[in-house]
Amino acid sequence: MTHTPTPQGPKPRAFRLPPAGTETAAPPSPGTETALPDGIRVVEEPFEIVEAADGVAVPVAPRPRAPWATLLLSALGGLASLGIGLAVERLIADLFSAAPWLGIVALVLLAVAVVALLAIVWREVAGVLRERRIEALRGDALDALRSRDHSAAKAVVRSLSALYAERPAMGAARARLAALDDQILDVEDRIGIAEAELLSALDRSAKAAVAEAAKQVSAVTALSPRAIVDVGFVIFAAVRLLRRIATIYGGRPGLFGFLRLARAALAHLAVTGSVAVGDSLVQQVLGLGVAARISAKLGEGVLNGLMTARFGLAALAVCRPLPFTREPPPRLGDVAGELLRGGGDTEGRDGSR
């Protein structure tokens, strides 16, 4: 009977702790190598910290993303541009060979198309830059309120006033705000007064636009006989509402600017909840069972109007150049209260019959 020797592990080693009060070496930064005995090297990999469900920080290694989608779209766009350019060049050459005046007309039309394309590109770029200006202004206001930086608050108020310098109707409000520039000492008071002077009227216009869109969606979807008509009108109303709110607050979104705003509004809606369950008005709807007590089609219209109002509130929060400081943010009852009261009145009339 043979005896198999058991593998022995590493020999025990003694470690000496540094005395109290002495500085220890800082941990190695990500990407550095640490040499150990026996030729072993330890490389610190970069990681990010995320919050777990129980609030404990958990390190997670970053996941590299290959830009294959970007490369695919860029390659397809380049091929399409080359194909269009080659087709136009051949067309103009054929027209010149057929008749010189036809080639000249084609060149003139090409020049007009190029000028129009440049104008469209400039409008898109200007719209995106203006949206980024509004987003940066809102972020600077949040930073100034968080750090209570008086100089940053002054810069925010000056930028907000310059944003609406092209609107003559706001000239008196801008003058009053400029007169109080040296008299305000608190950061919250400065931003709150700017909010009241410059944004209160715009807030009323935006809330009125949201309420009007919600009522239109509710009425049309309650009367339309086809579901495809409901979906089409809801999308059309949401697009028009987003553009209208952005215009009210000083934005000029083109196609790409509108897509950025729509993505931001949908992200805000996903964070705050597609249906505000904690809202007292929605609780009233769920408690009374409006959609169940009246006709199903009218109840569907009311719910579509509520969802449109929720999207409008998300768009308002995204397009507004300042956060809500002194004024409370609008709730669903501020823009859809009349809609639900109308539903409740219809319910009462149906019950009396």
Protein backbone atom coordinates (compact mmCIF):
# COMPACT_ATOMS: atom_id res chain seq x y z
CA MET A 1 0.00 0.00 0.00
CA THR A 2 1.56 3.23 -1.15
CA HIS A 3 1.24 6.50 0.69
CA THR A 4 0.50 9.57 -1.44
CA PRO A 5 2.06 12.68 0.04
CA THR A 6 -0.41 15.49 0.59
CA PRO A 7 0.44 18.76 -1.17
CA GLN A 8 1.72 21.39 1.20
CA GLY A 9 0.44 24.94 0.98
CA PRO A 10 2.49 28.10 1.27
CA LYS A 11 4.59 28.39 4.40
CA PRO A 12 3.29 30.70 7.12
CA ARG A 13 4.74 34.18 7.12
CA ALA A 14 4.88 36.90 9.77
CA PHE A 15 3.68 40.44 9.09
CA ARG A 16 4.45 43.54 11.10
CA LEU A 17 1.76 46.20 11.41
CA PRO A 18 2.93 49.82 11.28
CA PRO A 19 2.77 51.70 14.60
CA ALA A 20 -0.21 53.88 15.32
CA GLY A 21 -0.01 57.39 13.95
CA THR A 22 2.22 56.57 10.97
CA GLU A 23 1.13 57.12 7.39
CA THR A 24 0.54 54.09 5.22
CA ALA A 25 1.17 53.91 1.52
CA ALA A 26 -1.70 54.95 -0.69
CA PRO A 27 -3.41 52.18 -2.64
CA PRO A 28 -2.15 51.77 -6.17
CA SER A 29 -4.01 53.71 -8.81
CA PRO A 30 -5.86 51.85 -11.57
CA GLY A 31 -3.58 50.64 -14.32
CA THR A 32 -0.39 50.41 -12.20
CA GLU A 33 1.62 47.20 -11.66
CA THR A 34 2.82 45.88 -8.31
CA ALA A 35 5.77 43.43 -8.26
CA LEU A 36 5.56 40.51 -5.83
CA PRO A 37 8.09 37.75 -5.02
CA ASP A 38 8.59 34.83 -7.41
CA GLY A 39 8.00 37.07 -10.44
CA ILE A 40 4.29 37.67 -9.75
CA ARG A 41 2.82 40.95 -10.95
CA VAL A 42 -0.49 42.43 -9.82
CA VAL A 43 -2.20 44.94 -12.12
CA GLU A 44 -4.95 47.14 -10.66
CA GLU A 45 -7.90 47.26 -13.03
CA PRO A 46 -10.14 50.39 -13.11
CA PHE A 47 -13.59 50.00 -11.69
CA GLU A 48 -16.64 52.09 -10.96
CA ILE A 49 -18.73 52.26 -7.81
CA VAL A 50 -22.46 51.60 -7.92
CA GLU A 51 -25.04 51.53 -5.18
CA ALA A 52 -26.55 48.17 -4.35
CA ALA A 53 -30.12 47.69 -3.23
CA ASP A 54 -29.09 47.85 0.42
CA GLY A 55 -27.10 51.04 -0.04
CA VAL A 56 -23.65 49.35 0.08
CA ALA A 57 -21.16 50.50 -2.53
CA VAL A 58 -20.23 47.69 -4.92
CA PRO A 59 -17.27 47.97 -7.31
CA VAL A 60 -18.17 47.02 -10.86
CA ALA A 61 -15.61 46.74 -13.62
CA PRO A 62 -16.44 48.88 -16.66
CA ARG A 63 -17.66 47.13 -19.75
CA PRO A 64 -15.91 48.23 -22.93
CA ARG A 65 -18.32 48.98 -25.72
CA ALA A 66 -17.27 48.39 -29.28
CA PRO A 67 -18.57 51.19 -31.55
CA TRP A 68 -19.86 48.78 -34.17
CA ALA A 69 -23.23 50.51 -34.53
CA THR A 70 -21.55 53.88 -35.00
CA LEU A 71 -19.14 52.43 -37.54
CA LEU A 72 -22.00 50.76 -39.40
CA LEU A 73 -24.05 53.95 -39.62
CA SER A 74 -21.00 56.00 -40.61
CA ALA A 75 -20.06 53.54 -43.35
CA LEU A 76 -23.60 53.36 -44.72
CA GLY A 77 -23.89 57.14 -44.63
CA GLY A 78 -20.61 57.52 -46.50
CA LEU A 79 -21.67 55.03 -49.15
CA ALA A 80 -25.02 56.75 -49.60
CA SER A 81 -23.32 60.16 -49.92
CA LEU A 82 -20.88 58.83 -52.52
CA GLY A 83 -23.71 57.21 -54.49
CA ILE A 84 -25.83 60.37 -54.48
CA GLY A 85 -22.86 62.53 -55.48
CA LEU A 86 -21.90 60.20 -58.33
CA ALA A 87 -25.50 60.07 -59.59
CA VAL A 88 -25.79 63.88 -59.57
CA GLU A 89 -22.45 64.27 -61.36
CA ARG A 90 -23.50 61.82 -64.08
CA LEU A 91 -26.85 63.56 -64.44
CA ILE A 92 -25.26 66.98 -64.91
CA ALA A 93 -22.71 65.56 -67.37
CA ASP A 94 -25.49 63.91 -69.40
CA LEU A 95 -27.47 67.16 -69.45
CA PHE A 96 -24.44 69.11 -70.65
CA SER A 97 -23.87 66.55 -73.41
CA ALA A 98 -27.53 66.77 -74.44
CA ALA A 99 -27.82 70.58 -74.31
CA PRO A 100 -25.58 73.14 -72.59
CA TRP A 101 -28.47 75.16 -71.23
CA LEU A 102 -29.86 72.06 -69.50
CA GLY A 103 -26.53 71.56 -67.77
CA ILE A 104 -26.52 75.20 -66.63
CA VAL A 105 -30.04 74.82 -65.22
CA ALA A 106 -28.95 71.68 -63.40
CA LEU A 107 -25.96 73.50 -61.89
CA VAL A 108 -28.21 76.35 -60.71
CA LEU A 109 -30.63 73.89 -59.12
CA LEU A 110 -27.72 72.10 -57.48
CA ALA A 111 -26.45 75.39 -56.03
CA VAL A 112 -29.92 76.18 -54.67
CA ALA A 113 -30.13 72.73 -53.11
CA VAL A 114 -26.70 73.14 -51.50
CA VAL A 115 -27.67 76.55 -50.05
CA ALA A 116 -30.93 75.11 -48.69
CA LEU A 117 -29.05 72.16 -47.18
CA LEU A 118 -26.57 74.49 -45.48
CA ALA A 119 -29.45 76.57 -44.09
CA ILE A 120 -31.13 73.44 -42.70
CA VAL A 121 -27.87 72.25 -41.14
CA TRP A 122 -27.29 75.68 -39.60
CA ARG A 123 -30.80 75.71 -38.17
CA GLU A 124 -30.32 72.25 -36.68
CA VAL A 125 -26.96 73.17 -35.17
CA ALA A 126 -28.32 76.44 -33.77
CA GLY A 127 -31.30 74.61 -32.25
CA VAL A 128 -29.12 71.97 -30.59
CA LEU A 129 -26.72 74.62 -29.25
CA ARG A 130 -29.61 76.62 -27.83
CA GLU A 131 -31.00 73.52 -26.11
CA ARG A 132 -27.58 72.78 -24.64
CA ARG A 133 -27.43 76.39 -23.45
CA ILE A 134 -30.73 75.95 -21.63
CA GLU A 135 -29.62 72.63 -20.13
CA ALA A 136 -26.32 74.16 -18.99
CA LEU A 137 -28.21 77.08 -17.45
CA ARG A 138 -30.41 74.71 -15.46
CA GLY A 139 -27.38 72.73 -14.33
CA ASP A 140 -25.52 75.89 -13.27
CA ALA A 141 -28.56 76.99 -11.27
CA LEU A 142 -28.66 73.65 -9.46
CA ASP A 143 -24.94 73.86 -8.71
CA ALA A 144 -25.27 77.42 -7.42
CA LEU A 145 -28.14 76.45 -5.13
CA ARG A 146 -26.28 73.39 -3.90
CA SER A 147 -23.03 75.22 -3.17
CA ARG A 148 -24.68 78.56 -2.28
CA ASP A 149 -22.28 80.34 -4.62
CA HIS A 150 -23.38 83.97 -4.91
CA SER A 151 -21.20 84.73 -7.95
CA ALA A 152 -22.53 81.68 -9.77
CA ALA A 153 -26.11 82.72 -8.98
CA LYS A 154 -25.43 86.17 -10.44
CA ALA A 155 -24.06 84.58 -13.61
CA VAL A 156 -27.14 82.34 -13.86
CA VAL A 157 -29.51 85.30 -13.57
CA ARG A 158 -27.57 87.29 -16.16
CA SER A 159 -27.61 84.33 -18.57
CA LEU A 160 -31.35 83.85 -18.03
CA SER A 161 -31.99 87.52 -18.72
CA ALA A 162 -29.86 87.37 -21.87
CA LEU A 163 -31.76 84.28 -23.04
CA TYR A 164 -34.97 86.33 -23.28
CA ALA A 165 -33.37 89.56 -24.49
CA GLU A 166 -35.11 89.18 -27.87
CA ARG A 167 -38.59 89.23 -26.32
CA PRO A 168 -39.91 92.79 -25.95
CA ALA A 169 -42.76 91.65 -23.68
CA MET A 170 -40.20 90.67 -21.02
CA GLY A 171 -38.33 93.95 -21.11
CA ALA A 172 -40.05 95.35 -17.99
CA ALA A 173 -39.33 92.18 -16.01
CA ARG A 174 -35.69 92.22 -17.08
CA ALA A 175 -35.42 95.89 -16.05
CA ARG A 176 -36.87 95.17 -12.60
CA LEU A 177 -34.50 92.26 -12.19
CA ALA A 178 -31.50 94.39 -13.19
CA ALA A 179 -32.54 97.09 -10.70
CA LEU A 180 -32.48 94.54 -7.87
CA ASP A 181 -29.10 93.09 -8.83
CA ASP A 182 -27.08 94.73 -6.03
CA GLN A 183 -29.82 94.49 -3.40
CA ILE A 184 -30.20 90.69 -3.22
CA LEU A 185 -27.79 88.94 -0.87
CA ASP A 186 -29.14 85.38 -0.72
CA VAL A 187 -28.61 82.83 -3.49
CA GLU A 188 -32.09 81.32 -3.23
CA ASP A 189 -33.69 84.77 -3.15
CA ARG A 190 -31.80 85.84 -6.29
CA ILE A 191 -32.76 82.77 -8.31
CA GLY A 192 -36.28 82.76 -6.85
CA ILE A 193 -36.89 86.39 -7.84
CA ALA A 194 -35.54 85.71 -11.34
CA GLU A 195 -37.86 82.73 -11.55
CA ALA A 196 -40.86 84.82 -10.49
CA GLU A 197 -40.08 87.75 -12.79
CA LEU A 198 -39.11 85.90 -15.96
CA LEU A 199 -40.63 82.42 -15.81
CA SER A 200 -43.98 82.81 -14.03
CA ALA A 201 -45.80 83.95 -17.19
CA LEU A 202 -44.07 81.25 -19.25
CA ASP A 203 -45.09 78.63 -16.68
CA ARG A 204 -48.73 79.67 -17.03
CA SER A 205 -48.52 79.45 -20.82
CA ALA A 206 -46.87 76.03 -20.67
CA LYS A 207 -49.45 74.65 -18.22
CA ALA A 208 -52.25 76.02 -20.40
CA ALA A 209 -50.70 74.27 -23.42
CA VAL A 210 -50.51 70.97 -21.52
CA ALA A 211 -54.13 71.26 -20.35
CA GLU A 212 -55.34 72.07 -23.87
CA ALA A 213 -53.45 69.13 -25.39
CA ALA A 214 -54.81 66.76 -22.74
CA LYS A 215 -58.39 67.84 -23.41
CA GLN A 216 -57.94 67.48 -27.17
CA VAL A 217 -56.47 63.99 -26.84
CA SER A 218 -59.24 62.98 -24.46
CA ALA A 219 -61.99 64.22 -26.78
CA VAL A 220 -60.55 62.81 -30.00
CA THR A 221 -59.71 59.37 -28.60
CA ALA A 222 -63.11 59.14 -26.95
CA LEU A 223 -64.90 59.81 -30.26
CA SER A 224 -62.62 58.08 -32.77
CA PRO A 225 -63.87 54.69 -33.99
CA ARG A 226 -60.44 53.18 -34.76
CA ALA A 227 -57.54 52.39 -32.46
CA ILE A 228 -55.03 53.40 -35.15
CA VAL A 229 -56.58 56.86 -35.17
CA ASP A 230 -56.14 57.06 -31.40
CA VAL A 231 -52.46 56.11 -31.60
CA GLY A 232 -51.77 58.49 -34.48
CA PHE A 233 -53.44 61.46 -32.83
CA VAL A 234 -51.76 60.83 -29.47
CA ILE A 235 -48.33 60.79 -31.15
CA PHE A 236 -49.18 63.90 -33.17
CA ALA A 237 -50.39 65.73 -30.05
CA ALA A 238 -47.28 64.74 -28.08
CA VAL A 239 -44.96 65.98 -30.84
CA ARG A 240 -46.81 69.27 -31.17
CA LEU A 241 -46.95 69.74 -27.39
CA LEU A 242 -43.22 69.17 -26.98
CA ARG A 243 -42.40 71.68 -29.71
CA ARG A 244 -44.81 74.23 -28.24
CA ILE A 245 -43.39 73.95 -24.72
CA ALA A 246 -39.83 74.20 -26.02
CA THR A 247 -40.76 77.34 -27.97
CA ILE A 248 -42.43 78.89 -24.91
CA TYR A 249 -39.24 78.54 -22.85
CA GLY A 250 -36.97 79.83 -25.59
CA GLY A 251 -35.93 76.68 -27.40
CA ARG A 252 -35.91 76.37 -31.18
CA PRO A 253 -35.74 72.66 -31.81
CA GLY A 254 -35.17 71.28 -35.26
CA LEU A 255 -35.31 67.60 -36.09
CA PHE A 256 -32.28 66.52 -34.08
CA GLY A 257 -33.06 68.98 -31.31
CA PHE A 258 -36.57 67.61 -31.08
CA LEU A 259 -35.23 64.05 -30.85
CA ARG A 260 -32.93 65.11 -28.00
CA LEU A 261 -35.81 66.76 -26.17
CA ALA A 262 -38.09 63.76 -26.73
CA ARG A 263 -35.46 61.37 -25.36
CA ALA A 264 -34.90 63.61 -22.34
CA ALA A 265 -38.65 63.94 -21.71
CA LEU A 266 -39.16 60.18 -21.95
CA ALA A 267 -36.21 59.58 -19.62
CA HIS A 268 -37.67 62.06 -17.13
CA LEU A 269 -41.04 60.36 -17.46
CA ALA A 270 -39.45 56.97 -16.80
CA VAL A 271 -37.70 58.28 -13.68
CA THR A 272 -40.75 59.99 -12.22
CA GLY A 273 -43.10 57.18 -13.25
CA SER A 274 -45.33 57.00 -16.29
CA VAL A 275 -48.35 57.27 -14.00
CA ALA A 276 -47.96 59.26 -10.78
CA VAL A 277 -49.36 56.73 -8.37
CA GLY A 278 -48.71 59.02 -5.42
CA ASP A 279 -50.62 61.88 -7.02
CA SER A 280 -53.87 62.51 -5.20
CA LEU A 281 -55.71 63.11 -8.45
CA VAL A 282 -54.76 59.72 -9.90
CA GLN A 283 -55.68 58.11 -6.62
CA GLN A 284 -59.06 59.76 -6.98
CA VAL A 285 -59.43 58.29 -10.47
CA LEU A 286 -58.46 54.82 -9.31
CA GLY A 287 -60.70 55.08 -6.24
CA LEU A 288 -63.81 56.30 -8.01
CA GLY A 289 -63.32 53.99 -10.97
CA VAL A 290 -64.16 56.63 -13.56
CA ALA A 291 -63.17 54.38 -16.44
CA ALA A 292 -65.43 51.62 -15.10
CA ARG A 293 -68.50 53.68 -14.18
CA ILE A 294 -68.80 55.59 -17.44
CA SER A 295 -68.60 54.22 -20.94
CA ALA A 296 -65.42 52.36 -21.77
CA LYS A 297 -64.56 54.64 -24.68
CA LEU A 298 -64.94 57.80 -22.62
CA GLY A 299 -62.84 56.27 -19.87
CA GLU A 300 -60.16 55.42 -22.42
CA GLY A 301 -60.20 59.02 -23.59
CA VAL A 302 -59.76 60.28 -20.03
CA LEU A 303 -56.79 57.99 -19.44
CA ASN A 304 -55.19 59.01 -22.74
CA GLY A 305 -55.61 62.63 -21.73
CA LEU A 306 -53.96 61.90 -18.38
CA MET A 307 -50.99 60.25 -20.06
CA THR A 308 -50.64 63.21 -22.43
CA ALA A 309 -50.68 65.54 -19.44
CA ARG A 310 -47.95 63.47 -17.75
CA PHE A 311 -45.81 63.70 -20.88
CA GLY A 312 -46.42 67.44 -21.00
CA LEU A 313 -45.28 67.86 -17.41
CA ALA A 314 -42.11 65.89 -18.19
CA ALA A 315 -41.49 68.09 -21.24
CA LEU A 316 -42.02 71.19 -19.09
CA ALA A 317 -39.40 70.02 -16.59
CA VAL A 318 -36.93 69.30 -19.39
CA CYS A 319 -37.43 72.54 -21.35
CA ARG A 320 -37.54 74.93 -18.37
CA PRO A 321 -34.24 76.83 -18.00
CA LEU A 322 -34.41 76.94 -14.18
CA PRO A 323 -35.39 74.37 -11.58
CA PHE A 324 -38.42 75.02 -9.43
CA THR A 325 -37.10 76.84 -6.37
CA ARG A 326 -39.83 78.94 -4.78
CA GLU A 327 -42.78 77.80 -6.85
CA PRO A 328 -43.84 74.16 -6.47
CA PRO A 329 -43.61 72.10 -9.67
CA PRO A 330 -46.96 71.63 -11.42
CA ARG A 331 -48.83 68.47 -10.60
CA LEU A 332 -51.24 66.47 -12.65
CA GLY A 333 -54.21 68.13 -10.97
CA ASP A 334 -53.03 71.55 -12.16
CA VAL A 335 -53.34 70.64 -15.83
CA ALA A 336 -55.86 67.76 -15.89
CA GLY A 337 -58.23 68.68 -13.06
CA GLU A 338 -60.84 70.06 -15.45
CA LEU A 339 -60.56 66.90 -17.54
CA LEU A 340 -61.38 64.67 -14.59
CA ARG A 341 -64.11 66.97 -13.35
CA GLY A 342 -65.65 66.69 -16.80
CA GLY A 343 -65.42 62.91 -16.54
CA GLY A 344 -67.00 63.00 -13.11
CA ASP A 345 -69.84 65.21 -14.35
CA THR A 346 -70.48 62.79 -17.21
CA GLU A 347 -70.53 59.95 -14.73
CA GLY A 348 -73.11 61.77 -12.61
CA ARG A 349 -75.30 62.48 -15.61
CA ASP A 350 -75.13 58.82 -16.67
CA GLY A 351 -76.08 57.73 -13.15
CA SER A 352 -79.04 60.16 -12.99
CA ARG A 353 -80.39 58.76 -16.19
